[in-house]
Amino acid sequence: MIAVVAVVLVGALGALHLLKVPPFEEDTGDIEASSVCDLLGQGSQSVGALRSVLPEKSSYAFDDDVNLRMDEQNSSYRSDCFVSGDGDQLLSARTEMIRDEPFQNWVDSEVAQHSERDDHLTPFATGPKGTASPSVAAFFMPCTSPGNIPGGQYNLSVVVHLEKAGTASATDTRASLIELAKNAAEYAHTKVMCDISLS
């Protein structure tokens, strides 16, 4: 009888642990401003938006890869940031310098593939042209004037893609992704030697 009770008790405790019922719920990791990729702007500005969009994980990791523009004749700027939690990739952000093109062409080639099928990309007005859904936010903003780099005007393309979402509403998630993309755009504009000012 004691053995049966012990087996039942162990089984019940195991089930509670798997379901994360108190006192077995996992601690949620903290997002430190000092850990956030530079690409996402000042860490202190981006932490709140990241907490809003990311799912709860016991730890978070940030990995960035930056290729700086070395001189004003160079158009090879590109930066990537990857955010993971407990081994799962949660969010990616990319900023790169590309030739100016019609806004919709840019959306179709650089942004649309990151938006979930049921999410609708809708433009937003906030200075530079942008578009967003609850899974992606992106800016396309002028950077260098025609004549500075062979090929005409170059723009900054900023795309922040949420790969695994938290529990925030679609509206709040979209707003936080826009905030992250805006921070990334402002940061890149200061680092890439743009001669066209932010409007």
C-alpha atoms as a PDB file:
ATOM      1  CA  MET A   1       0.000   0.000   0.000  1.00  0.00           C
ATOM      2  CA  ILE A   2       2.811   2.419   0.918  1.00  0.00           C
ATOM      3  CA  ALA A   3       4.551   1.638  -2.391  1.00  0.00           C
ATOM      4  CA  VAL A   4       1.348   2.421  -4.347  1.00  0.00           C
ATOM      5  CA  VAL A   5       0.920   5.727  -2.500  1.00  0.00           C
ATOM      6  CA  ALA A   6       4.566   6.616  -3.186  1.00  0.00           C
ATOM      7  CA  VAL A   7       4.182   5.879  -6.920  1.00  0.00           C
ATOM      8  CA  VAL A   8       1.002   7.991  -7.102  1.00  0.00           C
ATOM      9  CA  LEU A   9       2.669  10.840  -5.188  1.00  0.00           C
ATOM     10  CA  VAL A  10       5.752  10.818  -7.424  1.00  0.00           C
ATOM     11  CA  GLY A  11       3.524  10.755 -10.517  1.00  0.00           C
ATOM     12  CA  ALA A  12       1.449  13.683  -9.231  1.00  0.00           C
ATOM     13  CA  LEU A  13       4.549  15.743  -8.391  1.00  0.00           C
ATOM     14  CA  GLY A  14       5.986  14.999 -11.833  1.00  0.00           C
ATOM     15  CA  ALA A  15       2.779  16.176 -13.506  1.00  0.00           C
ATOM     16  CA  LEU A  16       2.758  19.392 -11.463  1.00  0.00           C
ATOM     17  CA  HIS A  17       6.377  20.036 -12.450  1.00  0.00           C
ATOM     18  CA  LEU A  18       5.649  19.477 -16.157  1.00  0.00           C
ATOM     19  CA  LEU A  19       2.639  21.802 -15.960  1.00  0.00           C
ATOM     20  CA  LYS A  20       4.755  24.390 -14.115  1.00  0.00           C
ATOM     21  CA  VAL A  21       2.254  24.611 -11.273  1.00  0.00           C
ATOM     22  CA  PRO A  22       3.599  26.428  -8.171  1.00  0.00           C
ATOM     23  CA  PRO A  23       6.045  25.831  -6.624  1.00  0.00           C
ATOM     24  CA  PHE A  24       7.431  24.236  -9.794  1.00  0.00           C
ATOM     25  CA  GLU A  25       7.076  27.106 -12.301  1.00  0.00           C
ATOM     26  CA  GLU A  26      10.316  28.093 -14.020  1.00  0.00           C
ATOM     27  CA  ASP A  27      11.855  31.464 -13.323  1.00  0.00           C
ATOM     28  CA  THR A  28      11.676  33.888 -16.235  1.00  0.00           C
ATOM     29  CA  GLY A  29      15.055  35.217 -17.288  1.00  0.00           C
ATOM     30  CA  ASP A  30      15.776  38.914 -17.207  1.00  0.00           C
ATOM     31  CA  ILE A  31      16.782  40.966 -20.229  1.00  0.00           C
ATOM     32  CA  GLU A  32      19.737  43.155 -19.279  1.00  0.00           C
ATOM     33  CA  ALA A  33      20.238  46.410 -21.197  1.00  0.00           C
ATOM     34  CA  SER A  34      23.976  45.717 -21.366  1.00  0.00           C
ATOM     35  CA  SER A  35      23.333  42.425 -23.220  1.00  0.00           C
ATOM     36  CA  VAL A  36      21.110  43.849 -25.973  1.00  0.00           C
ATOM     37  CA  CYS A  37      22.705  44.057 -29.443  1.00  0.00           C
ATOM     38  CA  ASP A  38      23.942  47.533 -30.340  1.00  0.00           C
ATOM     39  CA  LEU A  39      21.991  47.213 -33.589  1.00  0.00           C
ATOM     40  CA  LEU A  40      18.726  47.524 -31.615  1.00  0.00           C
ATOM     41  CA  GLY A  41      19.765  50.950 -30.350  1.00  0.00           C
ATOM     42  CA  GLN A  42      20.394  51.905 -26.759  1.00  0.00           C
ATOM     43  CA  GLY A  43      19.672  48.835 -24.680  1.00  0.00           C
ATOM     44  CA  SER A  44      17.688  50.788 -22.106  1.00  0.00           C
ATOM     45  CA  GLN A  45      15.287  51.964 -24.831  1.00  0.00           C
ATOM     46  CA  SER A  46      14.778  48.482 -26.277  1.00  0.00           C
ATOM     47  CA  VAL A  47      14.445  46.361 -23.119  1.00  0.00           C
ATOM     48  CA  GLY A  48      10.767  47.192 -22.549  1.00  0.00           C
ATOM     49  CA  ALA A  49       9.826  46.422 -26.147  1.00  0.00           C
ATOM     50  CA  LEU A  50      11.769  43.150 -26.053  1.00  0.00           C
ATOM     51  CA  ARG A  51      10.047  42.093 -22.826  1.00  0.00           C
ATOM     52  CA  SER A  52       6.708  42.858 -24.467  1.00  0.00           C
ATOM     53  CA  VAL A  53       7.213  40.760 -27.605  1.00  0.00           C
ATOM     54  CA  LEU A  54       9.360  37.827 -26.485  1.00  0.00           C
ATOM     55  CA  PRO A  55       7.959  34.655 -24.901  1.00  0.00           C
ATOM     56  CA  GLU A  56       8.974  33.861 -21.323  1.00  0.00           C
ATOM     57  CA  LYS A  57      12.253  31.938 -21.181  1.00  0.00           C
ATOM     58  CA  SER A  58      14.587  31.112 -18.307  1.00  0.00           C
ATOM     59  CA  SER A  59      17.449  32.921 -20.082  1.00  0.00           C
ATOM     60  CA  TYR A  60      18.037  35.099 -23.135  1.00  0.00           C
ATOM     61  CA  ALA A  61      21.077  35.461 -25.366  1.00  0.00           C
ATOM     62  CA  PHE A  62      21.992  38.146 -27.906  1.00  0.00           C
ATOM     63  CA  ASP A  63      24.384  37.559 -30.785  1.00  0.00           C
ATOM     64  CA  ASP A  64      25.334  40.239 -33.278  1.00  0.00           C
ATOM     65  CA  ASP A  65      27.348  40.406 -36.467  1.00  0.00           C
ATOM     66  CA  VAL A  66      28.318  43.869 -37.707  1.00  0.00           C
ATOM     67  CA  ASN A  67      30.067  44.818 -40.958  1.00  0.00           C
ATOM     68  CA  LEU A  68      30.778  48.541 -40.707  1.00  0.00           C
ATOM     69  CA  ARG A  69      30.913  50.905 -43.631  1.00  0.00           C
ATOM     70  CA  MET A  70      34.553  51.974 -43.851  1.00  0.00           C
ATOM     71  CA  ASP A  71      34.310  55.041 -46.095  1.00  0.00           C
ATOM     72  CA  GLU A  72      31.774  57.229 -47.861  1.00  0.00           C
ATOM     73  CA  GLN A  73      32.241  55.427 -51.202  1.00  0.00           C
ATOM     74  CA  ASN A  74      31.369  52.046 -49.677  1.00  0.00           C
ATOM     75  CA  SER A  75      27.842  50.591 -49.656  1.00  0.00           C
ATOM     76  CA  SER A  76      28.565  47.321 -47.859  1.00  0.00           C
ATOM     77  CA  TYR A  77      27.091  48.099 -44.423  1.00  0.00           C
ATOM     78  CA  ARG A  78      25.163  45.198 -42.876  1.00  0.00           C
ATOM     79  CA  SER A  79      24.359  44.285 -39.281  1.00  0.00           C
ATOM     80  CA  ASP A  80      22.467  41.321 -37.859  1.00  0.00           C
ATOM     81  CA  CYS A  81      21.182  40.630 -34.356  1.00  0.00           C
ATOM     82  CA  PHE A  82      19.811  37.276 -33.217  1.00  0.00           C
ATOM     83  CA  VAL A  83      17.887  36.877 -29.960  1.00  0.00           C
ATOM     84  CA  SER A  84      17.434  33.409 -28.502  1.00  0.00           C
ATOM     85  CA  GLY A  85      15.935  31.983 -25.338  1.00  0.00           C
ATOM     86  CA  ASP A  86      16.562  28.537 -23.907  1.00  0.00           C
ATOM     87  CA  GLY A  87      18.102  27.504 -27.225  1.00  0.00           C
ATOM     88  CA  ASP A  88      15.217  28.710 -29.438  1.00  0.00           C
ATOM     89  CA  GLN A  89      15.702  31.591 -31.858  1.00  0.00           C
ATOM     90  CA  LEU A  90      13.055  34.177 -30.961  1.00  0.00           C
ATOM     91  CA  LEU A  91      13.811  37.340 -32.929  1.00  0.00           C
ATOM     92  CA  SER A  92      16.163  38.556 -35.634  1.00  0.00           C
ATOM     93  CA  ALA A  93      16.976  42.050 -36.831  1.00  0.00           C
ATOM     94  CA  ARG A  94      18.891  43.111 -39.926  1.00  0.00           C
ATOM     95  CA  THR A  95      20.018  46.535 -41.081  1.00  0.00           C
ATOM     96  CA  GLU A  96      21.705  46.937 -44.440  1.00  0.00           C
ATOM     97  CA  MET A  97      22.473  49.622 -46.978  1.00  0.00           C
ATOM     98  CA  ILE A  98      20.778  48.975 -50.326  1.00  0.00           C
ATOM     99  CA  ARG A  99      19.965  50.943 -53.443  1.00  0.00           C
ATOM    100  CA  ASP A 100      16.856  53.092 -53.398  1.00  0.00           C
ATOM    101  CA  GLU A 101      13.837  51.497 -55.068  1.00  0.00           C
ATOM    102  CA  PRO A 102      10.056  51.934 -54.988  1.00  0.00           C
ATOM    103  CA  PHE A 103       8.726  51.290 -51.487  1.00  0.00           C
ATOM    104  CA  GLN A 104       6.425  48.414 -52.492  1.00  0.00           C
ATOM    105  CA  ASN A 105       9.234  46.653 -54.365  1.00  0.00           C
ATOM    106  CA  TRP A 106      11.307  46.799 -51.172  1.00  0.00           C
ATOM    107  CA  VAL A 107       8.379  45.448 -49.101  1.00  0.00           C
ATOM    108  CA  ASP A 108       7.902  42.570 -51.540  1.00  0.00           C
ATOM    109  CA  SER A 109      11.591  41.637 -51.679  1.00  0.00           C
ATOM    110  CA  GLU A 110      12.825  42.329 -48.131  1.00  0.00           C
ATOM    111  CA  VAL A 111       9.861  42.245 -45.731  1.00  0.00           C
ATOM    112  CA  ALA A 112       6.874  40.207 -46.934  1.00  0.00           C
ATOM    113  CA  GLN A 113       8.523  36.803 -46.455  1.00  0.00           C
ATOM    114  CA  HIS A 114       8.858  37.517 -42.718  1.00  0.00           C
ATOM    115  CA  SER A 115       5.165  38.240 -42.156  1.00  0.00           C
ATOM    116  CA  GLU A 116       2.964  35.335 -41.101  1.00  0.00           C
ATOM    117  CA  ARG A 117       0.322  34.299 -43.636  1.00  0.00           C
ATOM    118  CA  ASP A 118      -2.613  35.633 -41.595  1.00  0.00           C
ATOM    119  CA  ASP A 119      -0.829  38.860 -40.608  1.00  0.00           C
ATOM    120  CA  HIS A 120      -1.355  41.849 -42.838  1.00  0.00           C
ATOM    121  CA  LEU A 121       1.480  44.285 -43.423  1.00  0.00           C
ATOM    122  CA  THR A 122       0.234  47.841 -43.070  1.00  0.00           C
ATOM    123  CA  PRO A 123       2.243  51.034 -43.536  1.00  0.00           C
ATOM    124  CA  PHE A 124       2.806  53.440 -40.681  1.00  0.00           C
ATOM    125  CA  ALA A 125       3.780  57.083 -40.841  1.00  0.00           C
ATOM    126  CA  THR A 126       6.674  58.028 -38.607  1.00  0.00           C
ATOM    127  CA  GLY A 127       9.212  59.979 -40.639  1.00  0.00           C
ATOM    128  CA  PRO A 128      10.898  57.276 -42.750  1.00  0.00           C
ATOM    129  CA  LYS A 129       8.615  54.908 -44.641  1.00  0.00           C
ATOM    130  CA  GLY A 130       7.739  51.764 -42.755  1.00  0.00           C
ATOM    131  CA  THR A 131       5.413  48.786 -42.636  1.00  0.00           C
ATOM    132  CA  ALA A 132       4.539  46.312 -39.898  1.00  0.00           C
ATOM    133  CA  SER A 133       2.449  43.366 -38.768  1.00  0.00           C
ATOM    134  CA  PRO A 134       2.399  41.436 -35.470  1.00  0.00           C
ATOM    135  CA  SER A 135       5.394  39.405 -36.720  1.00  0.00           C
ATOM    136  CA  VAL A 136       7.612  41.984 -38.458  1.00  0.00           C
ATOM    137  CA  ALA A 137       8.350  45.717 -38.493  1.00  0.00           C
ATOM    138  CA  ALA A 138      10.538  47.429 -41.077  1.00  0.00           C
ATOM    139  CA  PHE A 139      11.844  50.847 -42.116  1.00  0.00           C
ATOM    140  CA  PHE A 140      13.152  51.978 -45.506  1.00  0.00           C
ATOM    141  CA  MET A 141      14.895  55.312 -45.082  1.00  0.00           C
ATOM    142  CA  PRO A 142      17.148  57.480 -47.264  1.00  0.00           C
ATOM    143  CA  CYS A 143      20.806  57.460 -46.252  1.00  0.00           C
ATOM    144  CA  THR A 144      23.209  58.680 -48.954  1.00  0.00           C
ATOM    145  CA  SER A 145      22.495  61.168 -51.737  1.00  0.00           C
ATOM    146  CA  PRO A 146      22.958  60.271 -55.410  1.00  0.00           C
ATOM    147  CA  GLY A 147      26.560  60.821 -56.502  1.00  0.00           C
ATOM    148  CA  ASN A 148      28.217  59.745 -53.244  1.00  0.00           C
ATOM    149  CA  ILE A 149      28.206  56.035 -54.071  1.00  0.00           C
ATOM    150  CA  PRO A 150      28.102  54.638 -57.624  1.00  0.00           C
ATOM    151  CA  GLY A 151      24.548  53.566 -58.463  1.00  0.00           C
ATOM    152  CA  GLY A 152      22.550  56.494 -57.116  1.00  0.00           C
ATOM    153  CA  GLN A 153      20.822  57.014 -53.773  1.00  0.00           C
ATOM    154  CA  TYR A 154      21.250  54.365 -51.085  1.00  0.00           C
ATOM    155  CA  ASN A 155      18.797  53.675 -48.277  1.00  0.00           C
ATOM    156  CA  LEU A 156      18.885  51.826 -44.982  1.00  0.00           C
ATOM    157  CA  SER A 157      16.686  48.731 -44.870  1.00  0.00           C
ATOM    158  CA  VAL A 158      15.784  47.760 -41.288  1.00  0.00           C
ATOM    159  CA  VAL A 159      13.793  44.562 -40.717  1.00  0.00           C
ATOM    160  CA  VAL A 160      12.916  43.202 -37.253  1.00  0.00           C
ATOM    161  CA  HIS A 161      11.322  39.735 -37.422  1.00  0.00           C
ATOM    162  CA  LEU A 162       9.628  38.124 -34.422  1.00  0.00           C
ATOM    163  CA  GLU A 163       9.985  34.374 -34.869  1.00  0.00           C
ATOM    164  CA  LYS A 164       8.329  33.247 -31.611  1.00  0.00           C
ATOM    165  CA  ALA A 165       5.857  35.549 -29.919  1.00  0.00           C
ATOM    166  CA  GLY A 166       5.005  36.118 -26.286  1.00  0.00           C
ATOM    167  CA  THR A 167       1.524  36.596 -24.858  1.00  0.00           C
ATOM    168  CA  ALA A 168       0.987  40.284 -25.701  1.00  0.00           C
ATOM    169  CA  SER A 169      -1.900  41.201 -28.006  1.00  0.00           C
ATOM    170  CA  ALA A 170      -1.272  41.519 -31.739  1.00  0.00           C
ATOM    171  CA  THR A 171      -1.705  45.304 -31.471  1.00  0.00           C
ATOM    172  CA  ASP A 172       0.805  45.634 -28.620  1.00  0.00           C
ATOM    173  CA  THR A 173       3.258  43.282 -30.320  1.00  0.00           C
ATOM    174  CA  ARG A 174       3.119  45.284 -33.551  1.00  0.00           C
ATOM    175  CA  ALA A 175       3.673  48.544 -31.646  1.00  0.00           C
ATOM    176  CA  SER A 176       6.685  47.112 -29.791  1.00  0.00           C
ATOM    177  CA  LEU A 177       8.207  45.742 -33.008  1.00  0.00           C
ATOM    178  CA  ILE A 178       7.849  49.200 -34.576  1.00  0.00           C
ATOM    179  CA  GLU A 179       9.639  50.667 -31.550  1.00  0.00           C
ATOM    180  CA  LEU A 180      12.505  48.164 -31.945  1.00  0.00           C
ATOM    181  CA  ALA A 181      12.780  48.868 -35.685  1.00  0.00           C
ATOM    182  CA  LYS A 182      12.753  52.618 -35.025  1.00  0.00           C
ATOM    183  CA  ASN A 183      15.534  52.286 -32.437  1.00  0.00           C
ATOM    184  CA  ALA A 184      17.556  50.185 -34.892  1.00  0.00           C
ATOM    185  CA  ALA A 185      17.011  52.705 -37.700  1.00  0.00           C
ATOM    186  CA  GLU A 186      18.097  55.666 -35.575  1.00  0.00           C
ATOM    187  CA  TYR A 187      21.164  53.798 -34.346  1.00  0.00           C
ATOM    188  CA  ALA A 188      22.209  52.748 -37.861  1.00  0.00           C
ATOM    189  CA  HIS A 189      21.706  56.258 -39.234  1.00  0.00           C
ATOM    190  CA  THR A 190      24.274  57.597 -36.775  1.00  0.00           C
ATOM    191  CA  LYS A 191      26.784  54.825 -37.519  1.00  0.00           C
ATOM    192  CA  VAL A 192      26.657  54.584 -41.307  1.00  0.00           C
ATOM    193  CA  MET A 193      27.784  58.118 -42.255  1.00  0.00           C
ATOM    194  CA  CYS A 194      24.438  58.975 -43.865  1.00  0.00           C
ATOM    195  CA  ASP A 195      24.301  62.455 -45.406  1.00  0.00           C
ATOM    196  CA  ILE A 196      20.493  62.604 -45.711  1.00  0.00           C
ATOM    197  CA  SER A 197      19.032  63.670 -42.376  1.00  0.00           C
ATOM    198  CA  LEU A 198      16.215  61.829 -40.615  1.00  0.00           C
ATOM    199  CA  SER A 199      12.915  63.605 -41.233  1.00  0.00           C
END
